[in-house]
Amino acid sequence: MRNGAINIAIKAARNAGQLIMRQLPRRDSIPVMEKAKHDFATEVDRVVEQEIQRDLKRAFPDHAFLGEESGKTGDSRFVWVVDPLDGTSNFIHGFPHFSVSVALLERGEPLLGVVFDPLRDEIFSAEKGRGALLNDRRLRVGQRKDLDGALLVTGFAPRERHNIETHLAMTRDLLSKAEDIRRTGSAALDLAYVACGRFDGYFEAGVKPWDIAAGVLLVREAGGQCTDFKGGNGFLDNGQIVAGNMHLGDDLRKTIAPHLSKLKAA
């Protein structure tokens, strides 16, 4: 049985998804802001985040909140981490792949996570120690033992373009072993898809906590692993993440390891 917090998170994510879908037909007229080079936000991002924050604050007034658009508010060992529209560029262009991501952290560790794809009406949810679900179906990561034949997914964050040559070199080496690599534009859904076996592995640099906090718990609760590029647990801080099952995740990390010394700080 789900506890109260996960139900509230799911409801908040669903409400947010409905708001996004109502705005999708008028996306061409929605104001777009460039926060940094190639890093965009819309009025929809802002309004949806405010709605999620209201829903969560109503239920948990003492909890802190960290949103992509509004930043950090409050001070508590419990922090809601929210990306109201993960895949904003996809939304702007009408590419049908974006999501809502909601996670609850206790002292930096994910306790629950929800990723909602409003286009496909898919709710990915997880609670620490209680497994992960897609709607009402329990999730397991794929069982591929190594990169041979694997379908991987990655992203090239705008804030990491100074490392583009290194990222391309990583991608080249992985493509020499894997079946193929996709680039979808929504880190939250990338991790959700690893959790349910649609992708075998995921790697990216330059992600933020709101991009991955919910998805990390999905992968872990589906029997997989998430680490940073060096195998540590610092992905929420350093923005480098590798995800997959226990075998393939290790193989992926070993393949990109020779390139790590070439990564430059922003």
Protein backbone atom coordinates (compact mmCIF):
# COMPACT_ATOMS: atom_id res chain seq x y z
CA MET A 1 0.00 0.00 0.00
CA ARG A 2 1.31 3.45 -0.88
CA ASN A 3 1.96 5.91 1.92
CA GLY A 4 0.48 9.41 2.02
CA ALA A 5 3.54 11.24 0.71
CA ILE A 6 3.83 9.23 -2.51
CA ASN A 7 0.13 9.66 -3.20
CA ILE A 8 0.44 13.43 -2.78
CA ALA A 9 3.50 13.50 -5.04
CA ILE A 10 1.67 11.51 -7.72
CA LYS A 11 -1.34 13.80 -7.50
CA ALA A 12 0.87 16.90 -7.76
CA ALA A 13 2.67 15.45 -10.79
CA ARG A 14 -0.61 14.55 -12.48
CA ASN A 15 -2.04 18.01 -11.90
CA ALA A 16 1.14 19.51 -13.34
CA GLY A 17 0.94 17.25 -16.39
CA GLN A 18 -2.64 18.31 -17.04
CA LEU A 19 -1.57 21.98 -16.95
CA ILE A 20 1.20 21.27 -19.45
CA MET A 21 -1.14 19.42 -21.80
CA ARG A 22 -3.64 22.28 -21.76
CA GLN A 23 -0.87 24.63 -22.89
CA LEU A 24 0.59 22.36 -25.56
CA PRO A 25 -1.76 23.48 -28.39
CA ARG A 26 -0.73 27.13 -27.86
CA ARG A 27 3.00 26.47 -27.42
CA ASP A 28 3.90 28.74 -30.37
CA SER A 29 2.53 31.77 -28.51
CA ILE A 30 4.05 30.99 -25.08
CA PRO A 31 6.87 33.37 -24.04
CA VAL A 32 10.29 31.70 -24.02
CA MET A 33 13.25 32.89 -21.94
CA GLU A 34 16.88 31.93 -22.56
CA LYS A 35 18.38 31.42 -19.07
CA ALA A 36 21.78 30.67 -20.60
CA LYS A 37 23.00 29.79 -24.06
CA HIS A 38 20.69 27.05 -25.43
CA ASP A 39 19.06 26.68 -21.99
CA PHE A 40 15.41 27.72 -22.21
CA ALA A 41 12.41 28.12 -19.93
CA THR A 42 8.82 29.05 -20.68
CA GLU A 43 5.98 30.63 -18.80
CA VAL A 44 4.61 27.09 -18.52
CA ASP A 45 7.68 25.98 -16.52
CA ARG A 46 7.15 28.81 -14.04
CA VAL A 47 3.39 28.40 -13.62
CA VAL A 48 3.55 24.62 -13.33
CA GLU A 49 6.31 24.79 -10.72
CA GLN A 50 4.24 27.24 -8.66
CA GLU A 51 1.28 24.86 -8.79
CA ILE A 52 3.40 21.89 -7.68
CA GLN A 53 4.91 23.93 -4.86
CA ARG A 54 1.44 24.96 -3.66
CA ASP A 55 0.26 21.34 -3.66
CA LEU A 56 3.29 20.12 -1.71
CA LYS A 57 3.43 23.03 0.73
CA ARG A 58 -0.23 22.55 1.53
CA ALA A 59 0.48 18.97 2.63
CA PHE A 60 3.99 19.51 4.04
CA PRO A 61 4.33 23.12 5.20
CA ASP A 62 7.55 22.43 7.14
CA HIS A 63 9.42 20.87 4.22
CA ALA A 64 11.91 22.78 2.08
CA PHE A 65 11.53 23.11 -1.70
CA LEU A 66 14.07 23.12 -4.53
CA GLY A 67 12.71 23.90 -7.98
CA GLU A 68 14.46 24.45 -11.28
CA GLU A 69 12.79 27.81 -11.79
CA SER A 70 12.42 29.19 -8.24
CA GLY A 71 15.50 27.77 -6.53
CA LYS A 72 15.63 26.79 -2.86
CA THR A 73 13.10 27.91 -0.24
CA GLY A 74 12.80 26.79 3.36
CA ASP A 75 15.17 24.90 5.65
CA SER A 76 14.47 21.30 6.56
CA ARG A 77 16.08 17.88 6.42
CA PHE A 78 13.23 17.05 4.01
CA VAL A 79 13.47 18.75 0.60
CA TRP A 80 11.12 18.40 -2.35
CA VAL A 81 13.12 18.58 -5.58
CA VAL A 82 11.06 19.43 -8.64
CA ASP A 83 11.49 19.82 -12.38
CA PRO A 84 8.11 21.06 -13.60
CA LEU A 85 8.84 20.41 -17.29
CA ASP A 86 11.84 18.20 -17.97
CA GLY A 87 12.34 18.48 -21.70
CA THR A 88 11.43 22.14 -22.17
CA SER A 89 13.18 22.33 -25.54
CA ASN A 90 11.16 19.33 -26.74
CA PHE A 91 7.97 21.04 -25.56
CA ILE A 92 8.88 24.29 -27.34
CA HIS A 93 9.49 22.45 -30.61
CA GLY A 94 6.46 20.20 -30.30
CA PHE A 95 8.57 17.08 -29.97
CA PRO A 96 6.38 14.67 -27.95
CA HIS A 97 8.76 13.71 -25.15
CA PHE A 98 8.77 15.55 -21.82
CA SER A 99 7.87 14.90 -18.21
CA VAL A 100 7.23 16.17 -14.70
CA SER A 101 9.73 15.09 -12.03
CA VAL A 102 9.03 15.21 -8.27
CA ALA A 103 11.32 13.78 -5.58
CA LEU A 104 11.54 13.96 -1.79
CA LEU A 105 15.04 13.92 -0.28
CA GLU A 106 15.99 13.44 3.37
CA ARG A 107 19.43 14.90 4.03
CA GLY A 108 20.29 14.49 0.37
CA GLU A 109 19.05 10.90 -0.03
CA PRO A 110 15.97 10.22 -2.21
CA LEU A 111 13.03 8.83 -0.24
CA LEU A 112 10.46 8.86 -3.02
CA GLY A 113 10.34 9.81 -6.66
CA VAL A 114 7.70 10.36 -9.31
CA VAL A 115 8.20 10.91 -13.03
CA PHE A 116 5.01 11.57 -15.03
CA ASP A 117 4.78 11.44 -18.81
CA PRO A 118 1.50 13.25 -19.53
CA LEU A 119 1.49 12.39 -23.23
CA ARG A 120 1.47 8.63 -22.58
CA ASP A 121 -0.25 8.80 -19.18
CA GLU A 122 2.63 6.91 -17.59
CA ILE A 123 3.38 7.40 -13.90
CA PHE A 124 6.75 6.05 -12.78
CA SER A 125 6.99 6.00 -8.98
CA ALA A 126 9.28 4.64 -6.31
CA GLU A 127 9.63 4.63 -2.53
CA LYS A 128 12.89 3.78 -0.82
CA GLY A 129 12.87 0.12 0.11
CA ARG A 130 9.49 -0.52 -1.49
CA GLY A 131 10.29 -0.98 -5.17
CA ALA A 132 9.39 0.95 -8.30
CA LEU A 133 6.22 0.96 -10.38
CA LEU A 134 5.03 2.01 -13.82
CA ASN A 135 1.38 2.81 -13.13
CA ASP A 136 0.59 -0.40 -11.20
CA ARG A 137 3.25 -2.69 -12.72
CA ARG A 138 6.45 -3.45 -10.81
CA LEU A 139 9.65 -2.44 -12.59
CA ARG A 140 12.95 -4.24 -13.10
CA VAL A 141 16.00 -2.95 -14.92
CA GLY A 142 17.18 -4.86 -17.99
CA GLN A 143 19.37 -7.91 -17.43
CA ARG A 144 21.98 -7.42 -20.17
CA LYS A 145 25.38 -8.37 -18.77
CA ASP A 146 27.59 -6.00 -20.79
CA LEU A 147 27.53 -3.36 -23.50
CA ASP A 148 27.33 -5.85 -26.36
CA GLY A 149 23.91 -5.29 -27.93
CA ALA A 150 22.92 -2.65 -25.38
CA LEU A 151 20.67 0.30 -26.15
CA LEU A 152 22.02 3.35 -24.33
CA VAL A 153 20.76 6.89 -23.83
CA THR A 154 22.63 10.10 -23.14
CA GLY A 155 22.30 13.87 -23.19
CA PHE A 156 24.49 16.86 -23.99
CA ALA A 157 23.58 19.51 -21.43
CA PRO A 158 23.98 23.12 -22.68
CA ARG A 159 26.13 23.94 -19.65
CA GLU A 160 28.59 21.19 -20.69
CA ARG A 161 29.26 22.29 -24.27
CA HIS A 162 32.84 23.17 -23.30
CA ASN A 163 33.34 19.41 -22.91
CA ILE A 164 31.71 18.46 -26.19
CA GLU A 165 34.83 16.85 -27.68
CA THR A 166 35.30 14.64 -24.61
CA HIS A 167 31.63 13.66 -24.59
CA LEU A 168 31.78 12.78 -28.27
CA ALA A 169 34.86 10.66 -27.64
CA MET A 170 33.00 8.79 -24.88
CA THR A 171 30.07 8.29 -27.23
CA ARG A 172 32.35 6.98 -29.98
CA ASP A 173 33.91 4.39 -27.68
CA LEU A 174 30.53 3.28 -26.38
CA LEU A 175 29.14 2.98 -29.91
CA SER A 176 31.99 0.62 -30.76
CA LYS A 177 30.52 -1.80 -28.18
CA ALA A 178 26.81 -1.03 -27.83
CA GLU A 179 24.01 -1.56 -30.34
CA ASP A 180 23.08 2.13 -30.40
CA ILE A 181 22.73 5.35 -28.41
CA ARG A 182 19.69 7.61 -28.20
CA ARG A 183 19.45 11.26 -27.13
CA THR A 184 15.89 12.08 -26.03
CA GLY A 185 16.07 15.43 -24.20
CA SER A 186 14.53 14.44 -20.85
CA ALA A 187 16.91 13.09 -18.20
CA ALA A 188 14.02 12.17 -15.91
CA LEU A 189 12.46 9.96 -18.57
CA ASP A 190 15.88 8.55 -19.53
CA LEU A 191 16.26 7.23 -15.99
CA ALA A 192 12.65 6.03 -15.85
CA TYR A 193 13.24 4.12 -19.08
CA VAL A 194 16.38 2.50 -17.62
CA ALA A 195 14.30 1.49 -14.60
CA CYS A 196 11.74 -0.30 -16.77
CA GLY A 197 14.24 -1.83 -19.19
CA ARG A 198 13.49 0.27 -22.26
CA PHE A 199 17.09 1.47 -22.13
CA ASP A 200 19.95 -0.63 -20.81
CA GLY A 201 22.10 2.27 -19.59
CA TYR A 202 22.36 6.04 -19.33
CA PHE A 203 25.22 8.49 -18.94
CA GLU A 204 25.36 12.29 -18.90
CA ALA A 205 27.29 15.21 -17.43
CA GLY A 206 25.91 18.60 -16.49
CA VAL A 207 22.62 17.41 -14.99
CA LYS A 208 21.09 19.14 -11.97
CA PRO A 209 19.41 17.58 -8.92
CA TRP A 210 15.91 18.33 -10.26
CA ASP A 211 16.76 16.47 -13.50
CA ILE A 212 17.69 13.19 -11.82
CA ALA A 213 16.60 13.00 -8.16
CA ALA A 214 13.38 11.09 -8.86
CA GLY A 215 14.88 8.95 -11.62
CA VAL A 216 17.81 7.83 -9.48
CA LEU A 217 15.44 6.27 -6.97
CA LEU A 218 13.44 4.62 -9.77
CA VAL A 219 16.57 2.89 -11.07
CA ARG A 220 17.76 1.84 -7.61
CA GLU A 221 14.37 0.47 -6.59
CA ALA A 222 14.15 -1.41 -9.90
CA GLY A 223 17.36 -3.25 -9.01
CA GLY A 224 19.89 -1.04 -10.77
CA GLN A 225 22.71 1.28 -9.80
CA CYS A 226 23.39 4.98 -10.20
CA THR A 227 26.86 6.42 -9.68
CA ASP A 228 28.88 9.37 -10.82
CA PHE A 229 31.51 8.87 -13.52
CA LYS A 230 34.07 7.68 -10.95
CA GLY A 231 31.74 5.20 -9.28
CA GLY A 232 30.86 7.41 -6.32
CA ASN A 233 27.61 8.78 -4.98
CA GLY A 234 28.23 12.44 -5.84
CA PHE A 235 25.96 12.79 -8.88
CA LEU A 236 23.57 15.24 -7.22
CA ASP A 237 26.52 17.54 -6.58
CA ASN A 238 28.85 17.06 -9.55
CA GLY A 239 26.16 16.45 -12.19
CA GLN A 240 27.83 13.35 -13.65
CA ILE A 241 25.72 10.20 -13.75
CA VAL A 242 25.88 6.63 -15.00
CA ALA A 243 22.89 4.31 -14.60
CA GLY A 244 22.19 0.69 -15.48
CA ASN A 245 22.04 -2.74 -13.94
CA MET A 246 24.89 -3.86 -11.70
CA HIS A 247 26.89 -5.41 -14.55
CA LEU A 248 26.26 -3.07 -17.46
CA GLY A 249 26.66 0.03 -15.29
CA ASP A 250 30.17 -1.09 -14.40
CA ASP A 251 31.02 -1.81 -18.05
CA LEU A 252 29.71 1.58 -19.15
CA ARG A 253 31.74 3.38 -16.49
CA LYS A 254 34.93 1.47 -17.40
CA THR A 255 34.51 2.44 -21.06
CA ILE A 256 34.30 6.16 -20.37
CA ALA A 257 36.98 6.14 -17.64
CA PRO A 258 39.92 6.88 -19.97
CA HIS A 259 38.31 10.19 -20.93
CA LEU A 260 37.62 11.54 -17.45
CA SER A 261 40.95 13.32 -17.10
CA LYS A 262 40.02 15.48 -20.11
CA LEU A 263 36.80 16.83 -18.59
CA LYS A 264 37.08 20.54 -17.87
CA ALA A 265 35.32 22.45 -15.10
CA ALA A 266 32.76 25.00 -16.24
